[in-house]
Amino acid sequence: MLRNLMIAVAFGLCAPLAAQAQPQAIGGPTELADGFFRALQTGEAAKAYHDIWIGTFMAKKQPEVDNVASQTTFALKTYGKVLGWELVSEKAITPSFLERVYMVRTEALPLFFRMQFYKPVAKWQVGSLYFTDNYKTVE
């Protein structure tokens, strides 16, 4: 079974950097997620992670970004091409913090992605992203 992988940003540690970081260039959570999954669908995992974390704390953590992109590439080689994605659930924690779970349909089995979105000022960004092939571990 695919090893679970989690890249999380501790928001408490990032608070001083939030004012310095440029929010992401593209829109809200749906646009961020759709752009990410479109890049995965074309086989560009490194681009997917690079683009979703532009201007965020994770953009400064290139080894971690490279690691999760490599793990995702391996998962897609194992399970096959991305055929599409569906929103499974959304939980608004506060007006500026929400969590979504997506199911990514692949040729073999689904993959599940949990994304935490944060809006420090005016634009949304992804602060945490986790994926697995086991639905029970994503919720």
N, C-alpha and C. Protein backbone atom coordinates (compact mmCIF):
# COMPACT_ATOMS: atom_id res chain seq x y z
N MET A 1 0.84 -1.18 0.00
CA MET A 1 0.00 0.00 0.00
C MET A 1 0.89 1.24 0.00
N LEU A 2 0.45 2.24 -0.73
CA LEU A 2 1.21 3.48 -0.83
C LEU A 2 1.40 4.10 0.53
N ARG A 3 2.61 4.47 0.81
CA ARG A 3 2.93 5.10 2.09
C ARG A 3 2.25 6.47 2.18
N ASN A 4 1.64 6.72 3.32
CA ASN A 4 0.98 8.01 3.53
C ASN A 4 2.02 9.11 3.56
N LEU A 5 1.64 10.26 3.06
CA LEU A 5 2.57 11.37 3.01
C LEU A 5 1.85 12.63 3.44
N MET A 6 2.51 13.40 4.26
CA MET A 6 1.88 14.64 4.72
C MET A 6 2.89 15.76 4.71
N ILE A 7 2.52 16.83 4.09
CA ILE A 7 3.31 18.05 4.14
C ILE A 7 2.39 19.07 4.79
N ALA A 8 2.77 19.53 5.94
CA ALA A 8 1.91 20.45 6.67
C ALA A 8 2.70 21.68 7.06
N VAL A 9 2.03 22.77 7.10
CA VAL A 9 2.64 24.02 7.52
C VAL A 9 2.08 24.36 8.89
N ALA A 10 2.94 24.56 9.84
CA ALA A 10 2.50 24.94 11.18
C ALA A 10 2.23 26.44 11.15
N PHE A 11 0.97 26.80 11.13
CA PHE A 11 0.62 28.21 10.95
C PHE A 11 1.20 29.09 12.05
N GLY A 12 1.33 28.58 13.24
CA GLY A 12 1.91 29.38 14.32
C GLY A 12 3.34 29.78 14.03
N LEU A 13 4.09 28.88 13.38
CA LEU A 13 5.47 29.18 13.03
C LEU A 13 5.56 30.13 11.85
N CYS A 14 4.52 30.18 11.04
CA CYS A 14 4.54 30.97 9.81
C CYS A 14 3.99 32.38 10.00
N ALA A 15 3.37 32.66 11.13
CA ALA A 15 2.69 33.94 11.30
C ALA A 15 3.57 35.14 10.98
N PRO A 16 4.85 35.18 11.42
CA PRO A 16 5.66 36.34 11.08
C PRO A 16 5.93 36.45 9.59
N LEU A 17 5.89 35.34 8.87
CA LEU A 17 6.17 35.36 7.45
C LEU A 17 4.95 35.70 6.62
N ALA A 18 3.76 35.59 7.18
CA ALA A 18 2.54 35.78 6.40
C ALA A 18 2.47 37.17 5.79
N ALA A 19 2.91 38.17 6.52
CA ALA A 19 2.85 39.53 5.99
C ALA A 19 3.83 39.72 4.85
N GLN A 20 4.94 38.96 4.83
CA GLN A 20 5.94 39.12 3.80
C GLN A 20 5.62 38.32 2.54
N ALA A 21 4.95 37.20 2.68
CA ALA A 21 4.70 36.33 1.55
C ALA A 21 3.63 36.94 0.65
N GLN A 22 3.83 36.82 -0.66
CA GLN A 22 2.83 37.26 -1.61
C GLN A 22 1.75 36.19 -1.73
N PRO A 23 0.49 36.56 -1.60
CA PRO A 23 -0.56 35.57 -1.79
C PRO A 23 -0.51 35.02 -3.21
N GLN A 24 -1.13 33.87 -3.41
CA GLN A 24 -1.08 33.23 -4.70
C GLN A 24 -1.80 34.05 -5.75
N ALA A 25 -1.30 33.91 -6.98
CA ALA A 25 -1.78 34.73 -8.07
C ALA A 25 -3.19 34.33 -8.52
N ILE A 26 -3.55 33.06 -8.37
CA ILE A 26 -4.86 32.65 -8.84
C ILE A 26 -5.86 32.68 -7.71
N GLY A 27 -7.15 32.51 -8.05
CA GLY A 27 -8.26 32.77 -7.15
C GLY A 27 -8.42 31.91 -5.93
N GLY A 28 -9.65 31.50 -5.71
CA GLY A 28 -10.03 30.83 -4.48
C GLY A 28 -9.68 29.36 -4.44
N PRO A 29 -10.18 28.68 -3.41
CA PRO A 29 -9.86 27.27 -3.22
C PRO A 29 -10.18 26.39 -4.43
N THR A 30 -11.32 26.61 -5.08
CA THR A 30 -11.67 25.78 -6.23
C THR A 30 -10.67 25.95 -7.36
N GLU A 31 -10.30 27.17 -7.65
CA GLU A 31 -9.34 27.43 -8.72
C GLU A 31 -7.97 26.86 -8.38
N LEU A 32 -7.55 27.00 -7.12
CA LEU A 32 -6.27 26.44 -6.69
C LEU A 32 -6.26 24.92 -6.87
N ALA A 33 -7.30 24.27 -6.37
CA ALA A 33 -7.38 22.81 -6.47
C ALA A 33 -7.46 22.36 -7.92
N ASP A 34 -8.31 23.00 -8.71
CA ASP A 34 -8.45 22.60 -10.12
C ASP A 34 -7.14 22.76 -10.88
N GLY A 35 -6.42 23.85 -10.63
CA GLY A 35 -5.12 24.04 -11.29
C GLY A 35 -4.13 22.96 -10.89
N PHE A 36 -4.13 22.60 -9.62
CA PHE A 36 -3.25 21.55 -9.12
C PHE A 36 -3.56 20.22 -9.79
N PHE A 37 -4.84 19.84 -9.81
CA PHE A 37 -5.21 18.55 -10.38
C PHE A 37 -5.04 18.52 -11.91
N ARG A 38 -5.24 19.65 -12.57
CA ARG A 38 -4.98 19.70 -14.02
C ARG A 38 -3.51 19.43 -14.31
N ALA A 39 -2.63 20.00 -13.51
CA ALA A 39 -1.19 19.75 -13.70
C ALA A 39 -0.86 18.28 -13.44
N LEU A 40 -1.47 17.69 -12.41
CA LEU A 40 -1.26 16.25 -12.17
C LEU A 40 -1.78 15.43 -13.35
N GLN A 41 -2.89 15.85 -13.91
CA GLN A 41 -3.49 15.13 -15.03
C GLN A 41 -2.56 15.11 -16.25
N THR A 42 -1.77 16.14 -16.41
CA THR A 42 -0.82 16.19 -17.53
C THR A 42 0.52 15.56 -17.17
N GLY A 43 0.61 14.99 -15.96
CA GLY A 43 1.84 14.31 -15.55
C GLY A 43 2.90 15.23 -14.99
N GLU A 44 2.54 16.44 -14.62
CA GLU A 44 3.51 17.42 -14.14
C GLU A 44 3.37 17.65 -12.64
N ALA A 45 3.74 16.65 -11.85
CA ALA A 45 3.61 16.76 -10.40
C ALA A 45 4.47 17.89 -9.83
N ALA A 46 5.70 18.02 -10.31
CA ALA A 46 6.57 19.09 -9.79
C ALA A 46 5.95 20.46 -10.06
N LYS A 47 5.40 20.66 -11.24
CA LYS A 47 4.74 21.93 -11.58
C LYS A 47 3.51 22.14 -10.70
N ALA A 48 2.76 21.07 -10.47
CA ALA A 48 1.55 21.17 -9.65
C ALA A 48 1.88 21.72 -8.27
N TYR A 49 2.91 21.15 -7.64
CA TYR A 49 3.28 21.59 -6.29
C TYR A 49 3.93 22.97 -6.31
N HIS A 50 4.75 23.22 -7.30
CA HIS A 50 5.38 24.54 -7.42
C HIS A 50 4.31 25.62 -7.53
N ASP A 51 3.37 25.40 -8.43
CA ASP A 51 2.35 26.42 -8.68
C ASP A 51 1.42 26.63 -7.50
N ILE A 52 1.05 25.55 -6.81
CA ILE A 52 0.09 25.71 -5.71
C ILE A 52 0.73 26.40 -4.50
N TRP A 53 2.06 26.33 -4.41
CA TRP A 53 2.72 26.94 -3.27
C TRP A 53 3.50 28.21 -3.61
N ILE A 54 3.25 28.81 -4.77
CA ILE A 54 3.90 30.09 -5.11
C ILE A 54 3.54 31.13 -4.05
N GLY A 55 4.54 31.81 -3.54
CA GLY A 55 4.31 32.88 -2.58
C GLY A 55 3.93 32.44 -1.19
N THR A 56 4.06 31.15 -0.89
CA THR A 56 3.71 30.66 0.45
C THR A 56 4.97 30.23 1.19
N PHE A 57 4.80 29.87 2.43
CA PHE A 57 5.90 29.38 3.24
C PHE A 57 6.56 28.16 2.60
N MET A 58 5.75 27.29 1.99
CA MET A 58 6.28 26.07 1.38
C MET A 58 7.19 26.35 0.19
N ALA A 59 7.03 27.48 -0.45
CA ALA A 59 7.90 27.83 -1.58
C ALA A 59 9.36 27.92 -1.15
N LYS A 60 9.59 28.15 0.13
CA LYS A 60 10.95 28.26 0.67
C LYS A 60 11.48 26.91 1.15
N LYS A 61 10.70 25.86 1.01
CA LYS A 61 11.08 24.53 1.50
C LYS A 61 11.20 23.56 0.32
N GLN A 62 12.11 23.88 -0.59
CA GLN A 62 12.22 23.12 -1.83
C GLN A 62 12.48 21.63 -1.63
N PRO A 63 13.30 21.20 -0.69
CA PRO A 63 13.47 19.75 -0.51
C PRO A 63 12.17 19.02 -0.18
N GLU A 64 11.33 19.63 0.66
CA GLU A 64 10.05 19.02 0.99
C GLU A 64 9.11 18.99 -0.22
N VAL A 65 9.12 20.08 -0.99
CA VAL A 65 8.30 20.15 -2.20
C VAL A 65 8.75 19.09 -3.20
N ASP A 66 10.07 18.95 -3.39
CA ASP A 66 10.59 17.93 -4.30
C ASP A 66 10.21 16.53 -3.84
N ASN A 67 10.24 16.30 -2.53
CA ASN A 67 9.90 14.99 -1.97
C ASN A 67 8.44 14.63 -2.24
N VAL A 68 7.53 15.55 -1.96
CA VAL A 68 6.11 15.25 -2.16
C VAL A 68 5.80 15.11 -3.65
N ALA A 69 6.47 15.88 -4.49
CA ALA A 69 6.26 15.74 -5.94
C ALA A 69 6.74 14.37 -6.41
N SER A 70 7.86 13.91 -5.88
CA SER A 70 8.39 12.59 -6.23
C SER A 70 7.43 11.49 -5.77
N GLN A 71 6.90 11.61 -4.55
CA GLN A 71 5.95 10.63 -4.03
C GLN A 71 4.68 10.60 -4.89
N THR A 72 4.24 11.77 -5.32
CA THR A 72 3.03 11.85 -6.16
C THR A 72 3.30 11.23 -7.53
N THR A 73 4.46 11.50 -8.10
CA THR A 73 4.81 10.90 -9.39
C THR A 73 4.82 9.39 -9.28
N PHE A 74 5.39 8.87 -8.19
CA PHE A 74 5.42 7.43 -7.97
C PHE A 74 3.99 6.88 -7.87
N ALA A 75 3.14 7.57 -7.12
CA ALA A 75 1.75 7.12 -6.97
C ALA A 75 1.04 7.06 -8.32
N LEU A 76 1.26 8.07 -9.15
CA LEU A 76 0.58 8.10 -10.45
C LEU A 76 1.15 7.05 -11.40
N LYS A 77 2.42 6.73 -11.28
CA LYS A 77 2.98 5.63 -12.07
C LYS A 77 2.39 4.30 -11.61
N THR A 78 2.11 4.18 -10.32
CA THR A 78 1.55 2.96 -9.76
C THR A 78 0.07 2.80 -10.12
N TYR A 79 -0.70 3.88 -9.98
CA TYR A 79 -2.15 3.81 -10.15
C TYR A 79 -2.65 4.24 -11.52
N GLY A 80 -1.81 4.87 -12.30
CA GLY A 80 -2.22 5.27 -13.64
C GLY A 80 -2.58 6.74 -13.73
N LYS A 81 -2.95 7.13 -14.93
CA LYS A 81 -3.26 8.53 -15.23
C LYS A 81 -4.44 9.05 -14.42
N VAL A 82 -4.41 10.36 -14.20
CA VAL A 82 -5.53 11.04 -13.55
C VAL A 82 -6.65 11.17 -14.57
N LEU A 83 -7.81 10.62 -14.24
CA LEU A 83 -8.97 10.68 -15.13
C LEU A 83 -9.90 11.84 -14.77
N GLY A 84 -9.81 12.30 -13.54
CA GLY A 84 -10.66 13.39 -13.07
C GLY A 84 -10.58 13.49 -11.56
N TRP A 85 -11.31 14.42 -10.99
CA TRP A 85 -11.32 14.60 -9.54
C TRP A 85 -12.69 15.09 -9.11
N GLU A 86 -13.01 14.79 -7.84
CA GLU A 86 -14.31 15.15 -7.29
C GLU A 86 -14.13 15.65 -5.86
N LEU A 87 -14.87 16.67 -5.52
CA LEU A 87 -14.88 17.16 -4.14
C LEU A 87 -15.67 16.17 -3.29
N VAL A 88 -15.06 15.66 -2.25
CA VAL A 88 -15.71 14.71 -1.35
C VAL A 88 -16.36 15.45 -0.18
N SER A 89 -15.62 16.38 0.41
CA SER A 89 -16.16 17.11 1.56
C SER A 89 -15.46 18.45 1.71
N GLU A 90 -16.14 19.33 2.39
CA GLU A 90 -15.57 20.65 2.72
C GLU A 90 -16.01 21.01 4.11
N LYS A 91 -15.07 21.51 4.90
CA LYS A 91 -15.37 21.96 6.25
C LYS A 91 -14.77 23.35 6.45
N ALA A 92 -15.62 24.33 6.63
CA ALA A 92 -15.17 25.70 6.90
C ALA A 92 -14.92 25.81 8.40
N ILE A 93 -13.66 25.94 8.78
CA ILE A 93 -13.30 26.04 10.19
C ILE A 93 -13.57 27.47 10.67
N THR A 94 -13.12 28.43 9.89
CA THR A 94 -13.39 29.86 10.13
C THR A 94 -13.59 30.49 8.75
N PRO A 95 -13.95 31.76 8.67
CA PRO A 95 -14.07 32.39 7.35
C PRO A 95 -12.75 32.42 6.55
N SER A 96 -11.62 32.29 7.24
CA SER A 96 -10.33 32.35 6.54
C SER A 96 -9.56 31.02 6.55
N PHE A 97 -10.22 29.94 6.98
CA PHE A 97 -9.53 28.65 7.02
C PHE A 97 -10.54 27.54 6.73
N LEU A 98 -10.27 26.76 5.69
CA LEU A 98 -11.17 25.65 5.39
C LEU A 98 -10.38 24.44 4.93
N GLU A 99 -11.02 23.28 5.03
CA GLU A 99 -10.40 22.03 4.65
C GLU A 99 -11.30 21.32 3.64
N ARG A 100 -10.67 20.81 2.59
CA ARG A 100 -11.39 20.05 1.57
C ARG A 100 -10.72 18.71 1.36
N VAL A 101 -11.54 17.71 1.07
CA VAL A 101 -11.04 16.39 0.67
C VAL A 101 -11.52 16.15 -0.76
N TYR A 102 -10.57 15.76 -1.61
CA TYR A 102 -10.87 15.44 -3.00
C TYR A 102 -10.53 13.98 -3.26
N MET A 103 -11.32 13.35 -4.13
CA MET A 103 -10.99 12.03 -4.64
C MET A 103 -10.50 12.22 -6.07
N VAL A 104 -9.31 11.71 -6.33
CA VAL A 104 -8.75 11.77 -7.68
C VAL A 104 -8.94 10.39 -8.30
N ARG A 105 -9.66 10.36 -9.41
CA ARG A 105 -9.89 9.10 -10.11
C ARG A 105 -8.68 8.80 -10.99
N THR A 106 -8.11 7.62 -10.78
CA THR A 106 -7.01 7.16 -11.62
C THR A 106 -7.46 5.88 -12.33
N GLU A 107 -6.61 5.38 -13.21
CA GLU A 107 -6.97 4.19 -13.98
C GLU A 107 -7.17 2.95 -13.09
N ALA A 108 -6.48 2.87 -11.97
CA ALA A 108 -6.57 1.68 -11.12
C ALA A 108 -7.47 1.88 -9.91
N LEU A 109 -7.12 2.81 -9.06
CA LEU A 109 -7.83 3.05 -7.79
C LEU A 109 -7.83 4.54 -7.50
N PRO A 110 -8.71 4.99 -6.61
CA PRO A 110 -8.72 6.42 -6.28
C PRO A 110 -7.59 6.80 -5.34
N LEU A 111 -7.17 8.04 -5.44
CA LEU A 111 -6.28 8.67 -4.46
C LEU A 111 -7.09 9.77 -3.79
N PHE A 112 -6.78 10.04 -2.53
CA PHE A 112 -7.51 11.05 -1.77
C PHE A 112 -6.53 12.14 -1.33
N PHE A 113 -6.94 13.38 -1.55
CA PHE A 113 -6.13 14.54 -1.20
C PHE A 113 -6.90 15.39 -0.20
N ARG A 114 -6.26 15.69 0.92
CA ARG A 114 -6.83 16.63 1.89
C ARG A 114 -6.03 17.92 1.77
N MET A 115 -6.72 19.01 1.49
CA MET A 115 -6.09 20.33 1.35
C MET A 115 -6.66 21.27 2.39
N GLN A 116 -5.77 21.98 3.06
CA GLN A 116 -6.19 23.03 3.99
C GLN A 116 -5.87 24.36 3.34
N PHE A 117 -6.89 25.18 3.22
CA PHE A 117 -6.78 26.49 2.58
C PHE A 117 -6.82 27.57 3.65
N TYR A 118 -5.98 28.58 3.46
CA TYR A 118 -5.88 29.68 4.42
C TYR A 118 -5.87 30.99 3.65
N LYS A 119 -6.60 31.97 4.17
CA LYS A 119 -6.64 33.30 3.55
C LYS A 119 -6.12 34.31 4.56
N PRO A 120 -4.80 34.61 4.52
CA PRO A 120 -4.23 35.52 5.51
C PRO A 120 -4.76 36.95 5.39
N VAL A 121 -5.00 37.41 4.16
CA VAL A 121 -5.51 38.76 3.97
C VAL A 121 -6.62 38.73 2.92
N ALA A 122 -6.24 38.74 1.65
CA ALA A 122 -7.25 38.85 0.59
C ALA A 122 -7.34 37.62 -0.30
N LYS A 123 -6.30 36.81 -0.38
CA LYS A 123 -6.29 35.69 -1.32
C LYS A 123 -6.00 34.38 -0.60
N TRP A 124 -6.62 33.33 -1.12
CA TRP A 124 -6.45 32.00 -0.55
C TRP A 124 -5.11 31.40 -0.96
N GLN A 125 -4.58 30.55 -0.07
CA GLN A 125 -3.38 29.77 -0.36
C GLN A 125 -3.52 28.40 0.29
N VAL A 126 -2.74 27.44 -0.17
CA VAL A 126 -2.76 26.10 0.42
C VAL A 126 -1.66 26.04 1.46
N GLY A 127 -2.04 25.75 2.70
CA GLY A 127 -1.08 25.66 3.79
C GLY A 127 -0.67 24.24 4.09
N SER A 128 -1.56 23.29 3.80
CA SER A 128 -1.27 21.90 4.09
C SER A 128 -1.90 21.03 3.03
N LEU A 129 -1.17 20.00 2.64
CA LEU A 129 -1.67 19.07 1.63
C LEU A 129 -1.21 17.68 1.99
N TYR A 130 -2.14 16.73 1.95
CA TYR A 130 -1.86 15.35 2.34
C TYR A 130 -2.54 14.46 1.32
N PHE A 131 -1.86 13.39 0.90
CA PHE A 131 -2.55 12.45 0.01
C PHE A 131 -2.27 11.02 0.42
N THR A 132 -3.23 10.15 0.08
CA THR A 132 -3.15 8.75 0.43
C THR A 132 -4.04 7.96 -0.51
N ASP A 133 -3.86 6.66 -0.51
CA ASP A 133 -4.77 5.79 -1.26
C ASP A 133 -5.79 5.13 -0.33
N ASN A 134 -5.77 5.49 0.93
CA ASN A 134 -6.65 4.90 1.93
C ASN A 134 -7.60 5.99 2.46
N TYR A 135 -8.85 5.91 2.06
CA TYR A 135 -9.82 6.95 2.44
C TYR A 135 -9.93 7.11 3.95
N LYS A 136 -9.83 6.02 4.69
CA LYS A 136 -10.00 6.09 6.15
C LYS A 136 -8.94 6.96 6.81
N THR A 137 -7.80 7.13 6.19
CA THR A 137 -6.74 7.95 6.80
C THR A 137 -6.79 9.40 6.38
N VAL A 138 -7.65 9.75 5.47
CA VAL A 138 -7.70 11.14 4.98
C VAL A 138 -8.69 12.00 5.75
N GLU A 139 -9.70 11.40 6.33
CA GLU A 139 -10.72 12.17 7.05
C GLU A 139 -10.30 12.47 8.47
